[in-house]
């Protein structure tokens, strides 16, 4: 497969335009004539003004069009539009710049909106959640400005949630600078809210950004501290306390597994399972979901990361379709990927591809933001050729052994 820099400038414009935007559409979006767009894509003529207008319309940096840097993985035009708007909002709100049209809703309405957005996120609707995070941030900031002195804690907390959601979406989309900026603003807002639970959630969120940026020791340190800071007494813990602690200690196990620290993983998973058992069922609190099923399905992925496919397969026997139905959409899809990976590692080639194909068909929008599908295809070397080609086509890569196949090198998304 050619590198991005190997394409001509005109070819890069055509690729970025994609099948959903015709040349005439791009002409209308830029205010340029159709012949000008055609000449640009044919590498016949591209002035600086034309370059700037096309880059703005396609929501990419000019350096991407010129081949100096590649486009972000799985970023389509609509994705780039959402990320551009979210980035502007995060930076504007942090600077105290709000649209003239924004009005401050009640705290009750903001809380309801906040819950709806996190539900979208946990169901794998990342682009939609990102598009709505921007108005949530501006409305939370407007509410904060109108709150009387001494009564701003809840508004600060909602602002922290908005920034954290923005960071999570940016992290999934590969927009690392925005992820770092948003989680930093979330930390400031959580401190202002004087909310130890939100502070821990933000700390865990920063750990995730570090994890995807391959800063593993720092990620583990923060994940451990976030969990330790909110560890509850089980006899007095509320459901919200248990959800927060369980998800945090589970994430600490995820980070430890990336560092191949099996002793830490064993300790954290023991605490995760104990928390889930105490709860008895899945629950959604504080913008996250946790329970006994989550503890087990996450343990499957963690054992896969450690190369312990036997343990992963054994844990899978305890999960039935009813259990899976209790998970959030994103957790259910991720479990399917982990299951497919465990089956691939156990050389259950066709079974692995069946599991993967079902997940790709069930959640195509979620799957295109994940690196794991292409890694699974890379692992499966002796499956039915027709099945392998079919699944490879769903992912958008050539089948292993075919001309143009390029092994996945990105880390898996969480």
Protein backbone atom coordinates (compact mmCIF):
# COMPACT_ATOMS: atom_id res chain seq x y z
CA UNK A 1 0.00 0.00 0.00
CA UNK A 2 1.49 3.41 -0.96
CA UNK A 3 2.47 5.80 1.78
CA UNK A 4 0.44 9.01 2.00
CA UNK A 5 3.42 11.01 0.70
CA UNK A 6 3.62 8.75 -2.38
CA UNK A 7 0.33 10.08 -3.76
CA UNK A 8 0.21 13.24 -5.83
CA UNK A 9 -1.39 16.35 -4.34
CA UNK A 10 -4.36 15.94 -6.68
CA UNK A 11 -4.82 12.32 -5.67
CA UNK A 12 -4.73 13.27 -1.99
CA UNK A 13 -7.48 15.84 -2.56
CA UNK A 14 -9.59 13.20 -4.31
CA UNK A 15 -9.03 10.68 -1.49
CA UNK A 16 -9.90 13.23 1.19
CA UNK A 17 -13.01 14.25 -0.76
CA UNK A 18 -14.16 10.65 -0.65
CA UNK A 19 -17.15 9.13 -2.38
CA UNK A 20 -19.70 11.28 -0.53
CA UNK A 21 -18.45 14.63 -1.86
CA UNK A 22 -18.54 15.17 -5.63
CA UNK A 23 -16.25 17.60 -7.40
CA UNK A 24 -19.24 19.90 -7.90
CA UNK A 25 -19.99 19.71 -4.17
CA UNK A 26 -16.40 20.69 -3.33
CA UNK A 27 -16.63 23.57 -5.81
CA UNK A 28 -19.75 24.83 -4.04
CA UNK A 29 -18.17 24.36 -0.58
CA UNK A 30 -15.10 26.38 -1.56
CA UNK A 31 -16.70 28.97 -3.83
CA UNK A 32 -14.32 27.87 -6.59
CA UNK A 33 -15.30 26.87 -10.10
CA UNK A 34 -15.69 23.22 -11.09
CA UNK A 35 -12.80 23.49 -13.62
CA UNK A 36 -10.54 24.81 -10.83
CA UNK A 37 -11.34 21.75 -8.68
CA UNK A 38 -10.81 19.44 -11.63
CA UNK A 39 -7.45 21.04 -12.43
CA UNK A 40 -6.36 20.73 -8.79
CA UNK A 41 -7.19 17.02 -8.74
CA UNK A 42 -5.39 16.52 -12.06
CA UNK A 43 -2.26 18.26 -10.67
CA UNK A 44 -2.51 20.88 -13.39
CA UNK A 45 -2.92 24.01 -11.29
CA UNK A 46 -3.13 24.63 -7.54
CA UNK A 47 -2.65 28.16 -6.24
CA UNK A 48 -2.13 28.97 -2.57
CA UNK A 49 -5.63 30.46 -2.33
CA UNK A 50 -7.14 27.32 -3.86
CA UNK A 51 -5.12 25.11 -1.50
CA UNK A 52 -6.30 27.06 1.56
CA UNK A 53 -9.96 26.99 0.48
CA UNK A 54 -9.90 23.25 -0.25
CA UNK A 55 -8.15 22.47 3.06
CA UNK A 56 -10.74 24.50 4.96
CA UNK A 57 -13.65 22.83 3.16
CA UNK A 58 -12.26 19.33 3.77
CA UNK A 59 -11.41 20.21 7.40
CA UNK A 60 -7.75 19.23 7.17
CA UNK A 61 -4.43 21.01 7.55
CA UNK A 62 -2.76 22.10 4.33
CA UNK A 63 0.17 19.88 5.32
CA UNK A 64 -2.12 16.84 4.91
CA UNK A 65 -3.04 17.83 1.36
CA UNK A 66 0.63 18.48 0.55
CA UNK A 67 1.60 15.05 1.90
CA UNK A 68 3.75 16.37 4.73
CA UNK A 69 1.64 14.44 7.25
CA UNK A 70 -0.94 11.72 6.86
CA UNK A 71 -4.64 12.01 7.61
CA UNK A 72 -5.77 10.53 10.91
CA UNK A 73 -6.94 6.93 10.75
CA UNK A 74 -10.67 6.50 10.16
CA UNK A 75 -11.25 10.26 9.92
CA UNK A 76 -13.90 10.97 7.32
CA UNK A 77 -15.06 14.44 6.33
CA UNK A 78 -17.87 14.55 8.89
CA UNK A 79 -15.44 13.39 11.59
CA UNK A 80 -13.03 16.17 10.75
CA UNK A 81 -15.84 18.73 10.82
CA UNK A 82 -16.89 17.57 14.29
CA UNK A 83 -13.32 17.61 15.60
CA UNK A 84 -12.65 21.09 14.22
CA UNK A 85 -15.78 22.46 15.92
CA UNK A 86 -15.01 20.64 19.17
CA UNK A 87 -11.44 21.93 19.21
CA UNK A 88 -12.60 25.51 18.70
CA UNK A 89 -15.18 25.19 21.46
CA UNK A 90 -12.75 23.65 23.98
CA UNK A 91 -10.22 26.43 23.47
CA UNK A 92 -12.81 29.24 23.32
CA UNK A 93 -14.64 28.14 26.48
CA UNK A 94 -11.33 27.78 28.34
CA UNK A 95 -10.50 31.36 27.29
CA UNK A 96 -13.92 32.59 28.45
CA UNK A 97 -15.20 33.22 24.92
CA UNK A 98 -18.84 32.20 24.48
CA UNK A 99 -21.20 32.65 21.50
CA UNK A 100 -23.58 35.59 21.79
CA UNK A 101 -26.48 33.22 21.14
CA UNK A 102 -25.85 30.87 24.06
CA UNK A 103 -28.31 30.89 26.95
CA UNK A 104 -27.77 29.28 30.33
CA UNK A 105 -30.09 26.32 30.92
CA UNK A 106 -31.01 25.19 34.40
CA UNK A 107 -28.69 22.87 36.28
CA UNK A 108 -31.35 20.17 36.07
CA UNK A 109 -31.46 20.42 32.26
CA UNK A 110 -27.66 20.36 32.08
CA UNK A 111 -27.51 17.24 34.22
CA UNK A 112 -30.02 15.53 31.92
CA UNK A 113 -28.07 16.56 28.81
CA UNK A 114 -24.84 15.36 30.40
CA UNK A 115 -26.33 11.91 31.05
CA UNK A 116 -27.64 11.63 27.48
CA UNK A 117 -24.24 12.48 26.01
CA UNK A 118 -22.39 9.94 28.13
CA UNK A 119 -24.97 7.32 27.15
CA UNK A 120 -24.20 8.07 23.49
CA UNK A 121 -20.50 7.74 24.18
CA UNK A 122 -20.80 4.41 25.99
CA UNK A 123 -22.95 3.09 23.16
CA UNK A 124 -20.12 3.79 20.73
CA UNK A 125 -21.70 6.88 19.13
CA UNK A 126 -18.44 8.79 19.32
CA UNK A 127 -18.97 11.27 16.50
CA UNK A 128 -22.47 12.15 17.69
CA UNK A 129 -21.24 12.53 21.27
CA UNK A 130 -18.42 14.75 20.05
CA UNK A 131 -20.78 16.94 18.04
CA UNK A 132 -22.95 17.48 21.14
CA UNK A 133 -20.05 17.97 23.56
CA UNK A 134 -19.45 21.44 22.10
CA UNK A 135 -22.91 22.86 22.99
CA UNK A 136 -22.73 21.11 26.38
CA UNK A 137 -19.48 22.94 27.14
CA UNK A 138 -20.82 26.35 26.11
CA UNK A 139 -24.06 25.88 28.06
CA UNK A 140 -22.22 24.66 31.16
CA UNK A 141 -19.90 27.66 30.95
CA UNK A 142 -22.89 30.01 30.55
CA UNK A 143 -24.57 28.43 33.58
CA UNK A 144 -21.35 28.82 35.57
CA UNK A 145 -21.18 32.54 34.77
CA UNK A 146 -24.74 33.06 35.98
CA UNK A 147 -24.45 31.05 39.17
CA UNK A 148 -24.19 33.14 42.37
CA UNK A 149 -20.87 33.12 44.18
CA UNK A 150 -20.66 30.17 46.51
CA UNK A 151 -23.12 28.13 44.42
CA UNK A 152 -20.93 27.25 41.47
CA UNK A 153 -19.64 23.79 42.46
CA UNK A 154 -22.19 21.78 40.47
CA UNK A 155 -21.70 23.92 37.36
CA UNK A 156 -17.93 23.45 37.62
CA UNK A 157 -18.53 19.69 37.89
CA UNK A 158 -20.67 19.66 34.73
CA UNK A 159 -18.02 21.68 32.92
CA UNK A 160 -15.43 19.10 34.02
CA UNK A 161 -17.64 16.35 32.57
CA UNK A 162 -17.94 18.22 29.27
CA UNK A 163 -14.19 18.68 28.96
CA UNK A 164 -13.59 15.02 29.89
CA UNK A 165 -16.04 13.86 27.23
CA UNK A 166 -14.29 16.10 24.68
CA UNK A 167 -10.95 14.59 25.67
CA UNK A 168 -12.25 11.03 25.34
CA UNK A 169 -13.66 11.66 21.85
CA UNK A 170 -10.46 13.40 20.75
CA UNK A 171 -8.37 10.54 22.12
CA UNK A 172 -10.39 7.99 20.14
CA UNK A 173 -10.15 10.09 17.00
CA UNK A 174 -6.37 10.33 17.33
CA UNK A 175 -6.41 14.09 18.03
CA UNK A 176 -3.88 13.81 20.84
CA UNK A 177 -3.20 17.55 21.32
CA UNK A 178 -6.90 18.24 21.83
CA UNK A 179 -7.18 15.25 24.18
CA UNK A 180 -4.37 16.63 26.36
CA UNK A 181 -5.79 20.17 26.32
CA UNK A 182 -9.35 19.08 27.17
CA UNK A 183 -8.31 16.76 30.01
CA UNK A 184 -6.19 19.58 31.45
CA UNK A 185 -9.20 21.90 31.47
CA UNK A 186 -11.30 19.09 32.97
CA UNK A 187 -8.80 18.77 35.83
CA UNK A 188 -9.00 22.50 36.58
CA UNK A 189 -12.82 22.41 36.58
CA UNK A 190 -12.94 19.28 38.79
CA UNK A 191 -10.68 20.97 41.36
CA UNK A 192 -12.94 24.05 41.30
CA UNK A 193 -15.92 21.75 41.88
CA UNK A 194 -14.16 20.35 44.98
CA UNK A 195 -15.36 16.91 43.88
CA UNK A 196 -12.93 14.11 44.71
CA UNK A 197 -14.81 11.60 42.57
CA UNK A 198 -14.72 13.80 39.48
CA UNK A 199 -11.04 14.52 40.15
CA UNK A 200 -10.37 10.77 40.13
CA UNK A 201 -12.37 10.33 36.92
CA UNK A 202 -10.31 13.04 35.25
CA UNK A 203 -7.10 11.47 36.56
CA UNK A 204 -8.11 8.14 35.07
CA UNK A 205 -8.99 9.90 31.83
CA UNK A 206 -5.53 11.46 31.67
CA UNK A 207 -4.09 7.99 32.29
CA UNK A 208 -5.95 6.75 29.22
CA UNK A 209 -4.51 9.58 27.10
CA UNK A 210 -1.05 8.61 28.36
CA UNK A 211 -1.74 4.95 27.57
CA UNK A 212 -2.61 5.69 23.94
CA UNK A 213 0.45 7.94 23.73
CA UNK A 214 2.64 5.01 24.93
CA UNK A 215 3.51 6.77 28.22
CA UNK A 216 2.93 3.56 30.16
CA UNK A 217 4.71 4.22 33.51
CA UNK A 218 2.92 7.57 33.90
CA UNK A 219 -0.38 6.00 32.85
CA UNK A 220 -0.04 3.28 35.49
CA UNK A 221 0.91 5.75 38.22
CA UNK A 222 -2.16 7.88 37.55
CA UNK A 223 -4.50 4.91 37.17
CA UNK A 224 -3.36 3.50 40.51
CA UNK A 225 -3.71 6.84 42.28
CA UNK A 226 -7.17 7.46 40.82
CA UNK A 227 -8.39 4.10 42.13
CA UNK A 228 -6.69 4.40 45.51
CA UNK A 229 -8.06 7.90 46.12
CA UNK A 230 -11.68 6.71 45.87
CA UNK A 231 -11.44 3.19 47.29
CA UNK A 232 -14.65 2.78 49.32
CA UNK A 233 -15.58 0.76 52.34
CA UNK A 234 -17.81 -1.90 50.85
CA UNK A 235 -20.12 -1.91 53.88
CA UNK A 236 -20.98 1.77 53.37
CA UNK A 237 -20.42 2.23 49.64
CA UNK A 238 -23.21 3.48 47.38
CA UNK A 239 -23.75 2.08 43.90
CA UNK A 240 -22.08 5.19 42.50
CA UNK A 241 -19.03 4.63 44.71
CA UNK A 242 -18.72 1.03 43.54
CA UNK A 243 -19.14 1.92 39.85
CA UNK A 244 -16.42 4.55 40.10
CA UNK A 245 -14.01 2.35 42.03
CA UNK A 246 -14.64 -0.77 39.94
CA UNK A 247 -14.09 1.02 36.64
CA UNK A 248 -10.94 2.70 37.99
CA UNK A 249 -9.31 -0.43 39.42
CA UNK A 250 -10.24 -2.29 36.24
CA UNK A 251 -8.53 0.35 34.14
CA UNK A 252 -5.44 0.09 36.36
CA UNK A 253 -5.42 -3.62 35.43
CA UNK A 254 -5.63 -2.69 31.74
CA UNK A 255 -2.58 -0.42 32.02
CA UNK A 256 -0.65 -3.00 34.06
CA UNK A 257 -1.40 -5.62 31.38
CA UNK A 258 0.16 -3.36 28.72
CA UNK A 259 3.28 -3.31 30.88
CA UNK A 260 3.13 -7.12 31.25
CA UNK A 261 3.02 -6.77 35.05
CA UNK A 262 1.10 -9.96 35.81
CA UNK A 263 1.24 -9.61 39.61
CA UNK A 264 -0.36 -6.18 39.53
CA UNK A 265 -2.92 -7.40 37.01
CA UNK A 266 -3.87 -10.31 39.27
CA UNK A 267 -4.30 -8.02 42.28
CA UNK A 268 -6.37 -5.44 40.41
CA UNK A 269 -8.60 -8.01 38.71
CA UNK A 270 -9.28 -9.60 42.10
CA UNK A 271 -10.47 -6.22 43.40
CA UNK A 272 -12.46 -5.60 40.22
CA UNK A 273 -14.29 -8.93 40.50
CA UNK A 274 -14.97 -8.35 44.22
CA UNK A 275 -16.49 -4.95 43.43
CA UNK A 276 -18.64 -6.40 40.66
CA UNK A 277 -19.81 -9.22 42.92
CA UNK A 278 -20.75 -6.69 45.60
CA UNK A 279 -22.87 -4.79 43.07
CA UNK A 280 -24.64 -7.83 41.65
CA UNK A 281 -25.56 -6.14 38.36
CA UNK A 282 -24.39 -3.49 35.90
CA UNK A 283 -24.96 0.15 36.79
CA UNK A 284 -24.32 3.48 35.07
CA UNK A 285 -23.03 6.35 37.22
CA UNK A 286 -20.68 9.32 36.80
CA UNK A 287 -20.48 8.91 33.04
CA UNK A 288 -19.25 5.33 33.23
CA UNK A 289 -20.61 1.78 33.47
CA UNK A 290 -19.49 -1.09 35.68
CA UNK A 291 -20.72 -4.34 37.21
CA UNK A 292 -19.94 -8.05 37.42
CA UNK A 293 -20.28 -8.63 33.68
CA UNK A 294 -18.02 -5.70 32.86
CA UNK A 295 -15.44 -7.04 35.31
CA UNK A 296 -15.40 -10.42 33.55
CA UNK A 297 -15.47 -9.17 29.95
CA UNK A 298 -12.69 -6.68 30.69
CA UNK A 299 -10.69 -9.51 32.22
CA UNK A 300 -10.99 -11.35 28.90
CA UNK A 301 -9.37 -8.44 27.08
CA UNK A 302 -6.70 -8.07 29.74
CA UNK A 303 -5.74 -11.74 29.48
CA UNK A 304 -5.63 -11.43 25.69
CA UNK A 305 -3.22 -8.50 26.08
CA UNK A 306 -1.04 -10.69 28.31
CA UNK A 307 -0.99 -13.46 25.71
CA UNK A 308 -3.02 -15.77 27.98
CA UNK A 309 -5.63 -16.89 25.47
CA UNK A 310 -6.41 -20.01 27.51
CA UNK A 311 -7.51 -17.93 30.50
CA UNK A 312 -9.45 -15.62 28.22
CA UNK A 313 -11.31 -18.54 26.63
CA UNK A 314 -12.09 -19.98 30.07
CA UNK A 315 -13.57 -16.67 31.23
CA UNK A 316 -15.66 -16.45 28.06
CA UNK A 317 -17.51 -19.62 29.08
CA UNK A 318 -19.07 -17.67 31.97
CA UNK A 319 -20.54 -15.02 29.63
CA UNK A 320 -23.83 -15.77 27.90
CA UNK A 321 -25.92 -13.58 25.53
CA UNK A 322 -28.05 -12.29 28.42
CA UNK A 323 -24.91 -11.12 30.18
CA UNK A 324 -23.68 -9.38 27.04
CA UNK A 325 -27.03 -7.60 26.67
CA UNK A 326 -26.43 -5.92 30.05
CA UNK A 327 -23.30 -4.20 28.77
CA UNK A 328 -23.14 -0.78 27.15
CA UNK A 329 -22.91 -0.84 23.37
CA UNK A 330 -19.20 0.03 23.26
CA UNK A 331 -18.35 -2.53 25.95
CA UNK A 332 -20.30 -5.22 24.12
CA UNK A 333 -18.57 -4.47 20.83
CA UNK A 334 -15.17 -4.37 22.48
CA UNK A 335 -15.80 -7.71 24.16
CA UNK A 336 -16.60 -9.20 20.75
CA UNK A 337 -13.24 -7.97 19.46
CA UNK A 338 -11.39 -9.38 22.46
CA UNK A 339 -13.24 -12.66 22.00
CA UNK A 340 -12.24 -12.78 18.33
CA UNK A 341 -8.62 -12.06 19.26
CA UNK A 342 -8.58 -14.84 21.87
CA UNK A 343 -9.99 -17.25 19.31
CA UNK A 344 -7.39 -16.18 16.75
CA UNK A 345 -4.58 -16.68 19.26
CA UNK A 346 -5.97 -20.17 19.95
CA UNK A 347 -5.85 -20.86 16.18
CA UNK A 348 -9.64 -21.04 15.97
CA UNK A 349 -9.34 -19.20 12.66
CA UNK A 350 -12.84 -19.46 11.20
CA UNK A 351 -14.56 -19.02 14.56
CA UNK A 352 -12.52 -15.86 15.14
CA UNK A 353 -13.55 -14.43 11.78
CA UNK A 354 -17.19 -15.30 12.40
CA UNK A 355 -17.07 -13.40 15.71
CA UNK A 356 -15.29 -10.46 14.10
CA UNK A 357 -17.61 -10.30 11.11
CA UNK A 358 -20.70 -10.24 13.33
CA UNK A 359 -19.24 -7.37 15.38
CA UNK A 360 -18.29 -5.38 12.26
CA UNK A 361 -21.78 -5.76 10.81
CA UNK A 362 -23.47 -4.91 14.12
CA UNK A 363 -21.44 -1.76 14.78
CA UNK A 364 -19.70 -0.43 11.64
CA UNK A 365 -19.44 3.14 12.95
CA UNK A 366 -17.87 2.01 16.23
CA UNK A 367 -15.55 -0.47 14.52
CA UNK A 368 -13.95 2.01 12.16
CA UNK A 369 -12.42 3.84 15.11
CA UNK A 370 -10.73 0.65 16.33
CA UNK A 371 -7.36 -0.81 15.36
CA UNK A 372 -8.06 -4.30 16.70
CA UNK A 373 -10.03 -5.63 13.67
CA UNK A 374 -7.07 -5.27 11.32
CA UNK A 375 -4.75 -6.79 13.93
CA UNK A 376 -7.07 -9.83 14.18
CA UNK A 377 -7.09 -10.23 10.40
CA UNK A 378 -3.31 -10.08 10.46
CA UNK A 379 -3.22 -12.89 13.06
CA UNK A 380 -5.63 -15.14 11.15
CA UNK A 381 -3.48 -16.85 8.54
CA UNK A 382 -5.20 -20.14 7.84
CA UNK A 383 -8.87 -19.30 7.68
CA UNK A 384 -11.28 -19.81 4.83
CA UNK A 385 -10.03 -17.56 2.02
CA UNK A 386 -13.51 -16.30 1.11
CA UNK A 387 -14.34 -15.48 4.73
CA UNK A 388 -11.00 -13.72 5.23
CA UNK A 389 -11.51 -11.61 2.12
CA UNK A 390 -15.06 -10.74 3.18
CA UNK A 391 -13.97 -9.56 6.62
CA UNK A 392 -10.95 -7.71 5.22
CA UNK A 393 -13.29 -5.83 2.88
CA UNK A 394 -15.47 -4.77 5.82
CA UNK A 395 -12.40 -3.35 7.57
CA UNK A 396 -11.12 -1.68 4.41
CA UNK A 397 -7.79 -3.52 4.14
CA UNK A 398 -6.46 -6.12 1.74
CA UNK A 399 -6.43 -9.69 3.00
CA UNK A 400 -3.07 -10.99 4.30
CA UNK A 401 -0.98 -12.25 1.45
CA UNK A 402 -2.80 -10.08 -1.06
CA UNK A 403 -1.07 -7.24 -2.85
CA UNK A 404 -1.42 -4.02 -0.88
CA UNK A 405 -1.85 -5.66 2.53
CA UNK A 406 -0.31 -3.56 5.30
CA UNK A 407 -0.10 -4.95 8.85
CA UNK A 408 -1.68 -2.83 11.56
CA UNK A 409 0.79 -1.04 13.78
CA UNK A 410 -1.46 1.14 15.90
CA UNK A 411 -2.35 0.30 19.49
CA UNK A 412 -5.81 -1.02 20.20
CA UNK A 413 -8.51 1.40 21.28
CA UNK A 414 -10.18 0.99 24.64
